[in-house]
Amino acid sequence: MISPASPTCADVTNSPAPWVLPGSGLSVFYGRPEAPRLSHYFLPRVLLSGRRVLYVDGANRFDPLLLARMARQRGRTPAEFYERVRVARAFTCFQLTELLGRVPRLLAGFTAEALIVTGLPELYFDEDVHEREARVSFRRALTALGALRSLPLGIALFSDATSFQTPRRGMFRDLTSQASHIWHFDLDSDGKLRLLGEKAALPLPA
């Protein structure tokens, strides 16, 4: 696991600050196989501010032990962090689509200011799922994301899609075409993790 303890960044015009969960819009973070796990390093800042996070985990990467360690490093108890994060797990692309459609109802019972999603679109690459069914489910997931644009919610997707060699990787392009901002994890010449801001894509359509 590469630690982002001392990240560097290359910002782009009108992009939000790096290593910070977005306050609004849809941001995509990708570029490293460990991208879903790196989502944890965005949590302390928002949790310490008293805000809450809904974490829809399709990559099965949410690690409560890592979150507990981060809490202790900041002089907080793990319980203080845990109570501000609600995790919903999906193990198939169909479950992930269903969870994204249920986000408004989940927020009715757990008010959150940020939504983290992992496993999108990687779960839809599963060759055990017929391509047509996967694509239909993926389009429904994009529609569900679009329906969230009116909510006071920052959405951050952490994707490992570019690690896959599959004809379905075009789904990732479809996903980023709807993103407000795109961030790329990369290594510099010294092997240190950095976060590069790519040009902003079009916002979610009205």
C-alpha atoms as a PDB file:
ATOM      1  CA  MET A   1       0.000   0.000   0.000  1.00  0.00           C
ATOM      2  CA  ILE A   2       1.397   3.379  -1.007  1.00  0.00           C
ATOM      3  CA  SER A   3       0.824   5.957   1.683  1.00  0.00           C
ATOM      4  CA  PRO A   4      -0.311   9.445   0.720  1.00  0.00           C
ATOM      5  CA  ALA A   5       1.298  10.868   3.843  1.00  0.00           C
ATOM      6  CA  SER A   6       3.044  13.632   1.900  1.00  0.00           C
ATOM      7  CA  PRO A   7       0.990  14.107  -1.258  1.00  0.00           C
ATOM      8  CA  THR A   8       1.685  16.691  -3.877  1.00  0.00           C
ATOM      9  CA  CYS A   9      -0.820  18.029  -6.322  1.00  0.00           C
ATOM     10  CA  ALA A  10      -1.145  19.818  -9.618  1.00  0.00           C
ATOM     11  CA  ASP A  11      -4.346  21.813  -9.584  1.00  0.00           C
ATOM     12  CA  VAL A  12      -6.378  22.988 -12.557  1.00  0.00           C
ATOM     13  CA  THR A  13      -8.362  26.156 -12.950  1.00  0.00           C
ATOM     14  CA  ASN A  14     -11.682  26.165 -11.101  1.00  0.00           C
ATOM     15  CA  SER A  15     -11.005  22.791  -9.472  1.00  0.00           C
ATOM     16  CA  PRO A  16     -11.668  22.348  -5.754  1.00  0.00           C
ATOM     17  CA  ALA A  17      -8.776  21.745  -3.371  1.00  0.00           C
ATOM     18  CA  PRO A  18      -7.152  18.306  -3.717  1.00  0.00           C
ATOM     19  CA  TRP A  19      -7.318  15.696  -0.942  1.00  0.00           C
ATOM     20  CA  VAL A  20     -10.648  17.197   0.131  1.00  0.00           C
ATOM     21  CA  LEU A  21     -14.073  15.674  -0.400  1.00  0.00           C
ATOM     22  CA  PRO A  22     -16.097  17.892  -2.736  1.00  0.00           C
ATOM     23  CA  GLY A  23     -18.774  20.073  -1.211  1.00  0.00           C
ATOM     24  CA  SER A  24     -20.961  19.682  -4.281  1.00  0.00           C
ATOM     25  CA  GLY A  25     -21.003  18.109  -7.709  1.00  0.00           C
ATOM     26  CA  LEU A  26     -19.538  14.794  -8.828  1.00  0.00           C
ATOM     27  CA  SER A  27     -15.797  14.166  -8.590  1.00  0.00           C
ATOM     28  CA  VAL A  28     -14.007  11.075  -9.884  1.00  0.00           C
ATOM     29  CA  PHE A  29     -10.721   9.890  -8.359  1.00  0.00           C
ATOM     30  CA  TYR A  30      -8.819   7.179 -10.250  1.00  0.00           C
ATOM     31  CA  GLY A  31      -5.439   6.071 -11.577  1.00  0.00           C
ATOM     32  CA  ARG A  32      -4.149   3.581  -8.999  1.00  0.00           C
ATOM     33  CA  PRO A  33      -5.333   0.064  -8.102  1.00  0.00           C
ATOM     34  CA  GLU A  34      -5.615   1.207  -4.478  1.00  0.00           C
ATOM     35  CA  ALA A  35      -7.856   4.174  -5.331  1.00  0.00           C
ATOM     36  CA  PRO A  36     -10.851   2.803  -3.358  1.00  0.00           C
ATOM     37  CA  ARG A  37      -8.705   2.406  -0.241  1.00  0.00           C
ATOM     38  CA  LEU A  38      -7.271   5.890  -0.685  1.00  0.00           C
ATOM     39  CA  SER A  39     -10.785   7.214  -0.091  1.00  0.00           C
ATOM     40  CA  HIS A  40     -10.117   6.764   3.639  1.00  0.00           C
ATOM     41  CA  TYR A  41      -7.555   9.573   3.595  1.00  0.00           C
ATOM     42  CA  PHE A  42     -10.291  12.031   2.629  1.00  0.00           C
ATOM     43  CA  LEU A  43     -12.433  11.169   5.643  1.00  0.00           C
ATOM     44  CA  PRO A  44     -10.676  12.757   8.669  1.00  0.00           C
ATOM     45  CA  ARG A  45     -11.024  16.354   7.476  1.00  0.00           C
ATOM     46  CA  VAL A  46     -14.761  16.084   6.882  1.00  0.00           C
ATOM     47  CA  LEU A  47     -15.411  14.040  10.038  1.00  0.00           C
ATOM     48  CA  LEU A  48     -13.416  16.415  12.243  1.00  0.00           C
ATOM     49  CA  SER A  49     -15.584  19.255  10.973  1.00  0.00           C
ATOM     50  CA  GLY A  50     -18.650  17.469  12.330  1.00  0.00           C
ATOM     51  CA  ARG A  51     -20.039  16.512   8.933  1.00  0.00           C
ATOM     52  CA  ARG A  52     -21.194  13.029   8.055  1.00  0.00           C
ATOM     53  CA  VAL A  53     -20.452  10.678   5.179  1.00  0.00           C
ATOM     54  CA  LEU A  54     -22.534   8.025   3.462  1.00  0.00           C
ATOM     55  CA  TYR A  55     -20.117   5.419   2.100  1.00  0.00           C
ATOM     56  CA  VAL A  56     -21.504   3.127  -0.628  1.00  0.00           C
ATOM     57  CA  ASP A  57     -18.839   0.440  -0.894  1.00  0.00           C
ATOM     58  CA  GLY A  58     -18.928  -1.624  -4.065  1.00  0.00           C
ATOM     59  CA  ALA A  59     -15.209  -2.441  -3.931  1.00  0.00           C
ATOM     60  CA  ASN A  60     -15.332  -4.033  -0.441  1.00  0.00           C
ATOM     61  CA  ARG A  61     -12.533  -1.733   0.686  1.00  0.00           C
ATOM     62  CA  PHE A  62     -13.968   0.128   3.672  1.00  0.00           C
ATOM     63  CA  ASP A  63     -11.605  -0.536   6.590  1.00  0.00           C
ATOM     64  CA  PRO A  64     -12.869   0.374  10.074  1.00  0.00           C
ATOM     65  CA  LEU A  65      -9.462  -0.414  11.582  1.00  0.00           C
ATOM     66  CA  LEU A  66      -7.772   2.146   9.336  1.00  0.00           C
ATOM     67  CA  LEU A  67     -10.419   4.695  10.231  1.00  0.00           C
ATOM     68  CA  ALA A  68      -9.908   3.953  13.934  1.00  0.00           C
ATOM     69  CA  ARG A  69      -6.162   4.496  13.570  1.00  0.00           C
ATOM     70  CA  MET A  70      -6.778   7.825  11.866  1.00  0.00           C
ATOM     71  CA  ALA A  71      -9.066   8.881  14.699  1.00  0.00           C
ATOM     72  CA  ARG A  72      -6.481   8.040  17.367  1.00  0.00           C
ATOM     73  CA  GLN A  73      -3.744   9.867  15.441  1.00  0.00           C
ATOM     74  CA  ARG A  74      -5.903  12.977  15.723  1.00  0.00           C
ATOM     75  CA  GLY A  75      -6.680  12.571  19.416  1.00  0.00           C
ATOM     76  CA  ARG A  76     -10.217  11.279  18.849  1.00  0.00           C
ATOM     77  CA  THR A  77     -11.856   8.009  19.751  1.00  0.00           C
ATOM     78  CA  PRO A  78     -12.812   5.609  16.943  1.00  0.00           C
ATOM     79  CA  ALA A  79     -16.433   5.920  18.067  1.00  0.00           C
ATOM     80  CA  GLU A  80     -16.389   9.639  17.236  1.00  0.00           C
ATOM     81  CA  PHE A  81     -15.505   8.815  13.645  1.00  0.00           C
ATOM     82  CA  TYR A  82     -17.696   5.738  13.349  1.00  0.00           C
ATOM     83  CA  GLU A  83     -20.849   7.584  14.344  1.00  0.00           C
ATOM     84  CA  ARG A  84     -20.361  10.022  11.470  1.00  0.00           C
ATOM     85  CA  VAL A  85     -19.988   7.371   8.749  1.00  0.00           C
ATOM     86  CA  ARG A  86     -22.722   5.065   7.463  1.00  0.00           C
ATOM     87  CA  VAL A  87     -21.532   2.193   5.249  1.00  0.00           C
ATOM     88  CA  ALA A  88     -23.720   0.362   2.728  1.00  0.00           C
ATOM     89  CA  ARG A  89     -22.063  -2.516   0.888  1.00  0.00           C
ATOM     90  CA  ALA A  90     -22.762  -3.926  -2.559  1.00  0.00           C
ATOM     91  CA  PHE A  91     -21.282  -7.158  -3.877  1.00  0.00           C
ATOM     92  CA  THR A  92     -22.815  -7.199  -7.367  1.00  0.00           C
ATOM     93  CA  CYS A  93     -23.421  -4.520  -9.959  1.00  0.00           C
ATOM     94  CA  PHE A  94     -27.155  -4.946  -9.472  1.00  0.00           C
ATOM     95  CA  GLN A  95     -26.849  -4.319  -5.739  1.00  0.00           C
ATOM     96  CA  LEU A  96     -24.742  -1.218  -6.390  1.00  0.00           C
ATOM     97  CA  THR A  97     -27.324   0.154  -8.818  1.00  0.00           C
ATOM     98  CA  GLU A  98     -30.053  -0.501  -6.273  1.00  0.00           C
ATOM     99  CA  LEU A  99     -28.109   1.223  -3.499  1.00  0.00           C
ATOM    100  CA  LEU A 100     -27.473   4.313  -5.617  1.00  0.00           C
ATOM    101  CA  GLY A 101     -31.182   4.520  -6.330  1.00  0.00           C
ATOM    102  CA  ARG A 102     -31.882   4.295  -2.596  1.00  0.00           C
ATOM    103  CA  VAL A 103     -29.462   7.072  -1.576  1.00  0.00           C
ATOM    104  CA  PRO A 104     -32.250   9.660  -1.049  1.00  0.00           C
ATOM    105  CA  ARG A 105     -34.028   7.251   1.306  1.00  0.00           C
ATOM    106  CA  LEU A 106     -30.785   6.421   3.099  1.00  0.00           C
ATOM    107  CA  LEU A 107     -30.146  10.124   3.595  1.00  0.00           C
ATOM    108  CA  ALA A 108     -33.608  10.521   5.103  1.00  0.00           C
ATOM    109  CA  GLY A 109     -32.466   8.304   7.971  1.00  0.00           C
ATOM    110  CA  PHE A 110     -28.842   9.455   8.078  1.00  0.00           C
ATOM    111  CA  THR A 111     -28.280  13.046   7.017  1.00  0.00           C
ATOM    112  CA  ALA A 112     -24.888  13.298   5.322  1.00  0.00           C
ATOM    113  CA  GLU A 113     -23.076  16.051   3.479  1.00  0.00           C
ATOM    114  CA  ALA A 114     -20.833  13.757   1.424  1.00  0.00           C
ATOM    115  CA  LEU A 115     -21.305  10.544  -0.523  1.00  0.00           C
ATOM    116  CA  ILE A 116     -18.382   8.238  -1.320  1.00  0.00           C
ATOM    117  CA  VAL A 117     -18.860   5.451  -3.856  1.00  0.00           C
ATOM    118  CA  THR A 118     -16.389   2.668  -4.674  1.00  0.00           C
ATOM    119  CA  GLY A 119     -16.660  -0.120  -7.233  1.00  0.00           C
ATOM    120  CA  LEU A 120     -18.209   2.027  -9.966  1.00  0.00           C
ATOM    121  CA  PRO A 121     -17.912   0.973 -12.724  1.00  0.00           C
ATOM    122  CA  GLU A 122     -15.658  -1.994 -11.846  1.00  0.00           C
ATOM    123  CA  LEU A 123     -18.510  -4.163 -10.566  1.00  0.00           C
ATOM    124  CA  TYR A 124     -20.114  -3.901 -14.002  1.00  0.00           C
ATOM    125  CA  PHE A 125     -17.043  -5.521 -15.592  1.00  0.00           C
ATOM    126  CA  ASP A 126     -17.954  -8.910 -14.067  1.00  0.00           C
ATOM    127  CA  GLU A 127     -17.908 -11.407 -16.936  1.00  0.00           C
ATOM    128  CA  ASP A 128     -20.374 -13.615 -15.067  1.00  0.00           C
ATOM    129  CA  VAL A 129     -22.935 -10.906 -15.839  1.00  0.00           C
ATOM    130  CA  HIS A 130     -24.052 -10.731 -19.465  1.00  0.00           C
ATOM    131  CA  GLU A 131     -22.832  -7.560 -21.111  1.00  0.00           C
ATOM    132  CA  ARG A 132     -26.300  -6.320 -22.036  1.00  0.00           C
ATOM    133  CA  GLU A 133     -27.553  -6.731 -18.460  1.00  0.00           C
ATOM    134  CA  ALA A 134     -24.439  -5.047 -17.086  1.00  0.00           C
ATOM    135  CA  ARG A 135     -24.861  -2.078 -19.420  1.00  0.00           C
ATOM    136  CA  VAL A 136     -28.544  -1.678 -18.600  1.00  0.00           C
ATOM    137  CA  SER A 137     -27.754  -1.739 -14.893  1.00  0.00           C
ATOM    138  CA  PHE A 138     -24.882   0.717 -15.393  1.00  0.00           C
ATOM    139  CA  ARG A 139     -27.129   3.171 -17.229  1.00  0.00           C
ATOM    140  CA  ARG A 140     -29.564   2.963 -14.326  1.00  0.00           C
ATOM    141  CA  ALA A 141     -26.692   3.738 -11.956  1.00  0.00           C
ATOM    142  CA  LEU A 142     -25.772   6.831 -13.981  1.00  0.00           C
ATOM    143  CA  THR A 143     -29.412   7.922 -13.900  1.00  0.00           C
ATOM    144  CA  ALA A 144     -29.451   7.478 -10.123  1.00  0.00           C
ATOM    145  CA  LEU A 145     -26.311   9.627  -9.809  1.00  0.00           C
ATOM    146  CA  GLY A 146     -27.905  12.283 -11.990  1.00  0.00           C
ATOM    147  CA  ALA A 147     -30.961  12.334  -9.742  1.00  0.00           C
ATOM    148  CA  LEU A 148     -28.720  13.267  -6.785  1.00  0.00           C
ATOM    149  CA  ARG A 149     -27.521  16.521  -8.375  1.00  0.00           C
ATOM    150  CA  SER A 150     -30.277  18.550  -6.741  1.00  0.00           C
ATOM    151  CA  LEU A 151     -29.260  17.450  -3.240  1.00  0.00           C
ATOM    152  CA  PRO A 152     -26.854  19.445  -1.024  1.00  0.00           C
ATOM    153  CA  LEU A 153     -24.348  16.637  -1.349  1.00  0.00           C
ATOM    154  CA  GLY A 154     -20.783  16.291  -2.575  1.00  0.00           C
ATOM    155  CA  ILE A 155     -20.267  13.008  -4.444  1.00  0.00           C
ATOM    156  CA  ALA A 156     -16.830  11.378  -4.739  1.00  0.00           C
ATOM    157  CA  LEU A 157     -16.282   8.218  -6.783  1.00  0.00           C
ATOM    158  CA  PHE A 158     -13.057   6.270  -6.191  1.00  0.00           C
ATOM    159  CA  SER A 159     -12.442   3.957  -9.135  1.00  0.00           C
ATOM    160  CA  ASP A 160      -9.978   1.232 -10.045  1.00  0.00           C
ATOM    161  CA  ALA A 161     -11.447   0.926 -13.562  1.00  0.00           C
ATOM    162  CA  THR A 162      -8.252   1.720 -15.444  1.00  0.00           C
ATOM    163  CA  SER A 163      -6.548  -1.353 -13.939  1.00  0.00           C
ATOM    164  CA  PHE A 164      -8.875  -3.611 -15.965  1.00  0.00           C
ATOM    165  CA  GLN A 165      -8.440  -4.784 -19.548  1.00  0.00           C
ATOM    166  CA  THR A 166     -11.997  -5.265 -20.737  1.00  0.00           C
ATOM    167  CA  PRO A 167     -14.188  -4.033 -23.595  1.00  0.00           C
ATOM    168  CA  ARG A 168     -16.474  -2.628 -20.914  1.00  0.00           C
ATOM    169  CA  ARG A 169     -13.928   0.007 -19.872  1.00  0.00           C
ATOM    170  CA  GLY A 170     -15.886   2.450 -22.000  1.00  0.00           C
ATOM    171  CA  MET A 171     -18.223   2.664 -19.009  1.00  0.00           C
ATOM    172  CA  PHE A 172     -15.512   4.595 -17.199  1.00  0.00           C
ATOM    173  CA  ARG A 173     -15.431   7.149 -20.004  1.00  0.00           C
ATOM    174  CA  ASP A 174     -19.216   7.460 -19.755  1.00  0.00           C
ATOM    175  CA  LEU A 175     -18.869   8.011 -16.019  1.00  0.00           C
ATOM    176  CA  THR A 176     -16.193  10.696 -16.275  1.00  0.00           C
ATOM    177  CA  SER A 177     -18.200  12.517 -18.946  1.00  0.00           C
ATOM    178  CA  GLN A 178     -20.714  13.321 -16.215  1.00  0.00           C
ATOM    179  CA  ALA A 179     -18.136  14.408 -13.635  1.00  0.00           C
ATOM    180  CA  SER A 180     -17.719  17.968 -12.436  1.00  0.00           C
ATOM    181  CA  HIS A 181     -14.033  17.299 -11.709  1.00  0.00           C
ATOM    182  CA  ILE A 182     -11.593  14.465 -12.308  1.00  0.00           C
ATOM    183  CA  TRP A 183      -8.571  13.683 -10.144  1.00  0.00           C
ATOM    184  CA  HIS A 184      -5.792  11.262 -11.068  1.00  0.00           C
ATOM    185  CA  PHE A 185      -3.613   9.426  -8.538  1.00  0.00           C
ATOM    186  CA  ASP A 186      -0.054   9.052  -9.805  1.00  0.00           C
ATOM    187  CA  LEU A 187       3.518   8.544  -8.606  1.00  0.00           C
ATOM    188  CA  ASP A 188       6.207  11.178  -9.023  1.00  0.00           C
ATOM    189  CA  SER A 189       9.823  10.435  -9.957  1.00  0.00           C
ATOM    190  CA  ASP A 190      10.610   9.647  -6.303  1.00  0.00           C
ATOM    191  CA  GLY A 191       7.772   7.153  -6.020  1.00  0.00           C
ATOM    192  CA  LYS A 192       5.650   9.462  -3.883  1.00  0.00           C
ATOM    193  CA  LEU A 193       1.926   9.529  -4.398  1.00  0.00           C
ATOM    194  CA  ARG A 194       0.492  12.701  -5.886  1.00  0.00           C
ATOM    195  CA  LEU A 195      -2.943  13.812  -7.009  1.00  0.00           C
ATOM    196  CA  LEU A 196      -3.294  15.516 -10.377  1.00  0.00           C
ATOM    197  CA  GLY A 197      -6.294  17.574 -11.328  1.00  0.00           C
ATOM    198  CA  GLU A 198      -7.430  16.906 -14.876  1.00  0.00           C
ATOM    199  CA  LYS A 199      -9.559  19.291 -16.849  1.00  0.00           C
ATOM    200  CA  ALA A 200     -13.106  19.593 -15.563  1.00  0.00           C
ATOM    201  CA  ALA A 201     -15.675  17.692 -17.545  1.00  0.00           C
ATOM    202  CA  LEU A 202     -19.203  18.863 -18.124  1.00  0.00           C
ATOM    203  CA  PRO A 203     -21.419  19.029 -15.009  1.00  0.00           C
ATOM    204  CA  LEU A 204     -24.277  16.613 -14.589  1.00  0.00           C
ATOM    205  CA  PRO A 205     -26.894  17.423 -17.245  1.00  0.00           C
ATOM    206  CA  ALA A 206     -30.030  19.290 -16.213  1.00  0.00           C
END
